[in-house]
Amino acid sequence: MNSLAVAFADTTVIAKRNLIKIKRVPEILVFVLLSPIMFVLLFAFVFGNAIDIRGLNYREFLIAGVFTQTVMFGATFTAAGLAEDMQKGIISRFRALPMSRAAVLAGRTVSDIAYNLLSLVIMALTGLAVGWTIRTSFGEAIAGFALLLLFSYAISWVMASIGLAVPSVEVVNNAVFMVLFPLTFLANTFVPSNDLPGGLREFAEWSPVSTVTQAVRELFGNVPANAPEPPSWALDHAILYTLIWIAVIIAIFAPLSVRQYKRLQRA
């Protein structure tokens, strides 16, 4: 087998190992199922009647933002999983085996797509139950979900780098929360970016979190009627801008994470 075939085979084995963990540790599945339901219901009923989006039911505006927030937090499974494997010595065992050095990281990021896919399915069903509607074609809706999964996959590579640099699950969870939580709120996830003050508005207009949310709203047909022109090029070309960010993040953090893994091997 050539090196590419070996890497693919090893990645498949690692991904399967991570997915089997769902059956072995059912608490993970409970979190994956209940967390998105909680987010949708909490935001829909707490903010649903308090925020007015002219030309659109707020719950329709909201769901794309909840989707984005959930897949970003879902990507933290990568960091937590790698940190846990580091603590338990499993990574050391993997490094001693004759396997592709990229397989451990690729297998982890690929398997975490399954977690996010399951979360999106549960969220979509919950959203439909509380009044969310997809107003575009089936193909556009699938493209919206695919874009969310691609974005979460890119964020997973950032989390892989963090998980290797901070080999402690507790520290990883705290550090990731402190970064991702403000990023999801300094965007158009829950309120239009035009409603944010000054510099925060400009930050939100060019944030990839805002553009993936805007892109998904467009693909689901959840953009307010008679909405004003997007205030930035990024929001006006939300799908393209998001795809550029996805490519850049993977191009930077995938090689960086593999390099970190190789340094662990030499250590």
Protein backbone atom coordinates (compact mmCIF):
# COMPACT_ATOMS: atom_id res chain seq x y z
CA MET A 1 0.00 0.00 0.00
CA ASN A 2 1.23 3.50 -0.77
CA SER A 3 1.44 6.17 1.93
CA LEU A 4 -1.88 7.77 0.97
CA ALA A 5 -3.74 4.46 1.18
CA VAL A 6 -2.10 3.71 4.53
CA ALA A 7 -3.09 7.14 5.87
CA PHE A 8 -6.69 6.63 4.70
CA ALA A 9 -6.92 3.16 6.24
CA ASP A 10 -5.44 4.34 9.54
CA THR A 11 -7.73 7.37 9.62
CA THR A 12 -10.74 5.09 9.12
CA VAL A 13 -9.69 2.89 12.03
CA ILE A 14 -9.20 5.88 14.36
CA ALA A 15 -12.51 7.41 13.33
CA LYS A 16 -14.28 4.10 13.96
CA ARG A 17 -12.63 3.87 17.38
CA ASN A 18 -13.91 7.34 18.30
CA LEU A 19 -17.45 6.56 17.11
CA ILE A 20 -17.55 3.29 19.08
CA LYS A 21 -16.93 5.43 22.16
CA ILE A 22 -20.48 6.79 21.82
CA LYS A 23 -21.80 3.30 22.58
CA ARG A 24 -19.25 2.67 25.32
CA VAL A 25 -19.83 6.06 27.01
CA PRO A 26 -23.57 6.81 26.60
CA GLU A 27 -23.22 10.07 28.55
CA ILE A 28 -21.65 11.58 25.42
CA LEU A 29 -24.73 10.70 23.38
CA VAL A 30 -27.00 12.23 26.03
CA PHE A 31 -25.05 15.50 25.85
CA VAL A 32 -25.11 15.48 22.04
CA LEU A 33 -28.89 14.99 22.03
CA LEU A 34 -29.97 17.24 24.90
CA SER A 35 -27.66 20.21 24.39
CA PRO A 36 -29.07 21.31 20.99
CA ILE A 37 -32.63 20.85 22.20
CA MET A 38 -31.88 23.03 25.22
CA PHE A 39 -30.30 25.78 23.09
CA VAL A 40 -33.19 25.92 20.63
CA LEU A 41 -35.92 25.94 23.29
CA LEU A 42 -34.08 28.38 25.55
CA PHE A 43 -33.41 30.98 22.88
CA ALA A 44 -36.73 30.50 21.12
CA PHE A 45 -38.87 31.00 24.20
CA VAL A 46 -36.67 33.43 26.17
CA PHE A 47 -35.79 35.77 23.29
CA GLY A 48 -38.54 34.80 20.85
CA ASN A 49 -41.00 37.43 22.05
CA ALA A 50 -38.45 39.98 23.25
CA ILE A 51 -36.57 40.74 20.02
CA ASP A 52 -38.31 42.08 16.94
CA ILE A 53 -36.88 41.35 13.49
CA ARG A 54 -38.84 43.39 10.98
CA GLY A 55 -40.19 41.22 8.18
CA LEU A 56 -39.36 37.86 9.78
CA ASN A 57 -40.38 35.74 12.75
CA TYR A 58 -37.48 35.91 15.22
CA ARG A 59 -37.45 32.14 15.62
CA GLU A 60 -36.65 31.76 11.94
CA PHE A 61 -33.88 34.34 12.27
CA LEU A 62 -32.59 32.61 15.41
CA ILE A 63 -32.19 29.00 14.27
CA ALA A 64 -29.23 29.63 11.94
CA GLY A 65 -27.40 31.34 14.78
CA VAL A 66 -28.08 28.44 17.15
CA PHE A 67 -26.87 26.02 14.46
CA THR A 68 -23.60 27.95 14.13
CA GLN A 69 -23.06 28.19 17.88
CA THR A 70 -23.73 24.48 18.40
CA VAL A 71 -21.40 23.21 15.67
CA MET A 72 -18.64 25.48 16.97
CA PHE A 73 -19.02 24.12 20.48
CA GLY A 74 -19.42 20.63 19.03
CA ALA A 75 -15.97 20.99 17.48
CA THR A 76 -14.54 21.14 20.99
CA PHE A 77 -14.99 17.36 21.17
CA THR A 78 -11.76 17.24 19.18
CA ALA A 79 -9.74 19.19 21.75
CA ALA A 80 -11.29 17.42 24.73
CA GLY A 81 -10.87 13.98 23.12
CA LEU A 82 -7.20 14.53 22.29
CA ALA A 83 -6.50 15.98 25.74
CA GLU A 84 -8.16 12.96 27.36
CA ASP A 85 -6.15 10.57 25.20
CA MET A 86 -2.98 12.43 26.16
CA GLN A 87 -3.79 12.11 29.87
CA LYS A 88 -4.55 8.39 29.60
CA GLY A 89 -1.41 7.63 27.58
CA ILE A 90 -3.33 6.50 24.51
CA ILE A 91 -1.55 9.03 22.30
CA SER A 92 1.79 7.59 23.45
CA ARG A 93 0.57 4.16 22.41
CA PHE A 94 -0.51 5.44 19.00
CA ARG A 95 2.89 7.07 18.49
CA ALA A 96 4.57 3.71 19.14
CA LEU A 97 2.54 1.98 16.41
CA PRO A 98 3.54 1.80 12.72
CA MET A 99 0.77 4.07 11.51
CA SER A 100 0.32 7.36 9.66
CA ARG A 101 1.20 10.34 11.86
CA ALA A 102 -1.76 12.30 10.50
CA ALA A 103 -4.28 9.49 11.11
CA VAL A 104 -4.88 10.18 14.81
CA LEU A 105 -5.77 13.81 14.13
CA ALA A 106 -7.65 13.20 10.88
CA GLY A 107 -9.61 10.35 12.43
CA ARG A 108 -10.57 12.52 15.39
CA THR A 109 -11.72 15.47 13.24
CA VAL A 110 -13.64 13.23 10.83
CA SER A 111 -15.41 11.32 13.60
CA ASP A 112 -16.48 14.56 15.26
CA ILE A 113 -18.43 15.43 12.11
CA ALA A 114 -20.79 12.62 13.19
CA TYR A 115 -21.39 14.35 16.52
CA ASN A 116 -22.22 17.61 14.80
CA LEU A 117 -24.39 15.92 12.18
CA LEU A 118 -26.43 14.29 14.93
CA SER A 119 -26.73 17.63 16.73
CA LEU A 120 -27.92 19.35 13.55
CA VAL A 121 -30.60 16.70 12.95
CA ILE A 122 -31.91 17.06 16.51
CA MET A 123 -31.80 20.86 16.32
CA ALA A 124 -33.59 20.93 12.98
CA LEU A 125 -36.41 18.78 14.29
CA THR A 126 -36.68 20.90 17.44
CA GLY A 127 -36.61 24.08 15.37
CA LEU A 128 -39.42 22.85 13.13
CA ALA A 129 -41.41 22.08 16.27
CA VAL A 130 -41.07 25.66 17.59
CA GLY A 131 -41.93 27.41 14.33
CA TRP A 132 -38.80 27.42 12.17
CA THR A 133 -39.43 27.03 8.43
CA ILE A 134 -37.12 26.27 5.51
CA ARG A 135 -38.34 28.45 2.64
CA THR A 136 -35.95 27.32 -0.08
CA SER A 137 -35.43 24.15 -2.09
CA PHE A 138 -34.28 20.81 -0.73
CA GLY A 139 -30.91 21.22 -2.43
CA GLU A 140 -30.30 24.65 -0.89
CA ALA A 141 -31.25 23.32 2.54
CA ILE A 142 -28.77 20.43 2.19
CA ALA A 143 -26.12 22.95 1.10
CA GLY A 144 -26.81 24.94 4.28
CA PHE A 145 -26.26 21.91 6.50
CA ALA A 146 -23.17 20.91 4.51
CA LEU A 147 -21.68 24.39 4.97
CA LEU A 148 -22.22 24.15 8.73
CA LEU A 149 -20.47 20.76 8.84
CA LEU A 150 -17.56 22.06 6.75
CA PHE A 151 -17.19 25.02 9.08
CA SER A 152 -17.25 22.77 12.14
CA TYR A 153 -14.63 20.52 10.50
CA ALA A 154 -12.33 23.52 10.04
CA ILE A 155 -12.82 24.57 13.67
CA SER A 156 -12.03 20.99 14.71
CA TRP A 157 -8.49 21.43 13.36
CA VAL A 158 -8.08 24.54 15.53
CA MET A 159 -9.31 22.48 18.47
CA ALA A 160 -6.85 19.69 17.60
CA SER A 161 -3.98 22.14 17.92
CA ILE A 162 -5.31 23.30 21.28
CA GLY A 163 -5.86 19.75 22.51
CA LEU A 164 -2.24 18.82 21.77
CA ALA A 165 -0.87 22.02 23.31
CA VAL A 166 -2.95 21.84 26.52
CA PRO A 167 -3.13 18.16 27.54
CA SER A 168 -5.74 18.64 30.26
CA VAL A 169 -9.46 18.26 29.64
CA GLU A 170 -10.37 20.79 32.34
CA VAL A 171 -8.02 23.47 30.99
CA VAL A 172 -9.14 22.79 27.41
CA ASN A 173 -12.82 23.19 28.29
CA ASN A 174 -12.24 26.45 30.16
CA ALA A 175 -9.93 27.92 27.51
CA VAL A 176 -12.18 26.99 24.59
CA PHE A 177 -15.28 28.33 26.33
CA MET A 178 -13.59 31.69 26.99
CA VAL A 179 -12.75 32.05 23.28
CA LEU A 180 -15.78 30.57 21.50
CA PHE A 181 -18.49 31.99 23.75
CA PRO A 182 -17.76 35.68 23.02
CA LEU A 183 -17.11 34.93 19.33
CA THR A 184 -20.60 33.49 18.93
CA PHE A 185 -22.19 36.53 20.55
CA LEU A 186 -20.04 39.18 18.83
CA ALA A 187 -21.73 38.27 15.57
CA ASN A 188 -25.13 38.30 13.91
CA THR A 189 -26.04 34.93 15.45
CA PHE A 190 -28.78 36.22 17.74
CA VAL A 191 -29.26 39.87 16.75
CA PRO A 192 -28.59 41.71 13.47
CA SER A 193 -25.05 43.09 13.29
CA ASN A 194 -26.53 46.55 12.62
CA ASP A 195 -27.80 46.59 16.21
CA LEU A 196 -24.28 46.29 17.66
CA PRO A 197 -22.41 49.45 18.68
CA GLY A 198 -19.42 50.96 16.84
CA GLY A 199 -16.36 48.76 16.64
CA LEU A 200 -18.27 45.66 17.66
CA ARG A 201 -20.51 46.09 14.61
CA GLU A 202 -17.51 46.26 12.27
CA PHE A 203 -15.95 43.21 13.92
CA ALA A 204 -19.21 41.29 13.56
CA GLU A 205 -19.62 42.24 9.90
CA TRP A 206 -16.31 40.59 8.98
CA SER A 207 -16.38 37.72 11.45
CA PRO A 208 -16.58 34.25 9.83
CA VAL A 209 -19.10 33.37 12.54
CA SER A 210 -21.40 36.08 11.13
CA THR A 211 -20.86 35.08 7.53
CA VAL A 212 -21.53 31.37 8.05
CA THR A 213 -24.71 32.34 9.92
CA GLN A 214 -25.71 34.74 7.13
CA ALA A 215 -24.93 32.12 4.47
CA VAL A 216 -27.06 29.52 6.23
CA ARG A 217 -29.94 31.99 6.60
CA GLU A 218 -29.80 32.67 2.88
CA LEU A 219 -29.71 28.96 2.02
CA PHE A 220 -32.67 28.29 4.34
CA GLY A 221 -34.59 31.35 3.13
CA ASN A 222 -34.64 32.95 6.58
CA VAL A 223 -33.52 36.44 5.53
CA PRO A 224 -35.97 39.21 6.58
CA ALA A 225 -38.23 40.56 3.84
CA ASN A 226 -37.05 43.92 2.45
CA ALA A 227 -33.80 43.51 4.34
CA PRO A 228 -31.30 46.36 3.76
CA GLU A 229 -28.17 45.77 1.72
CA PRO A 230 -25.50 43.87 3.70
CA PRO A 231 -23.17 46.41 5.34
CA SER A 232 -19.94 44.65 4.28
CA TRP A 233 -18.53 42.72 1.34
CA ALA A 234 -18.18 39.68 3.60
CA LEU A 235 -21.89 39.55 4.42
CA ASP A 236 -22.84 40.36 0.83
CA HIS A 237 -20.79 37.34 -0.34
CA ALA A 238 -21.34 35.25 2.77
CA ILE A 239 -21.02 31.79 1.17
CA LEU A 240 -17.82 32.62 -0.71
CA TYR A 241 -16.26 34.40 2.28
CA THR A 242 -17.08 31.46 4.56
CA LEU A 243 -15.56 28.94 2.14
CA ILE A 244 -12.39 31.06 1.97
CA TRP A 245 -12.17 31.04 5.78
CA ILE A 246 -12.71 27.27 5.88
CA ALA A 247 -9.90 26.70 3.37
CA VAL A 248 -7.53 29.07 5.20
CA ILE A 249 -8.20 27.56 8.63
CA ILE A 250 -7.63 24.00 7.40
CA ALA A 251 -4.54 25.02 5.41
CA ILE A 252 -2.99 26.57 8.52
CA PHE A 253 -4.09 24.35 11.39
CA ALA A 254 -4.02 20.89 9.77
CA PRO A 255 -0.25 21.02 9.06
CA LEU A 256 0.34 22.82 12.37
CA SER A 257 -1.47 20.09 14.33
CA VAL A 258 0.41 17.31 12.52
CA ARG A 259 3.70 19.10 13.27
CA GLN A 260 2.75 19.32 16.96
CA TYR A 261 1.96 15.60 16.96
CA LYS A 262 5.34 14.77 15.43
CA ARG A 263 7.08 16.89 18.07
CA LEU A 264 5.34 14.84 20.75
CA GLN A 265 6.76 11.73 19.13
CA ARG A 266 10.31 13.09 19.25
CA ALA A 267 9.80 14.15 22.87
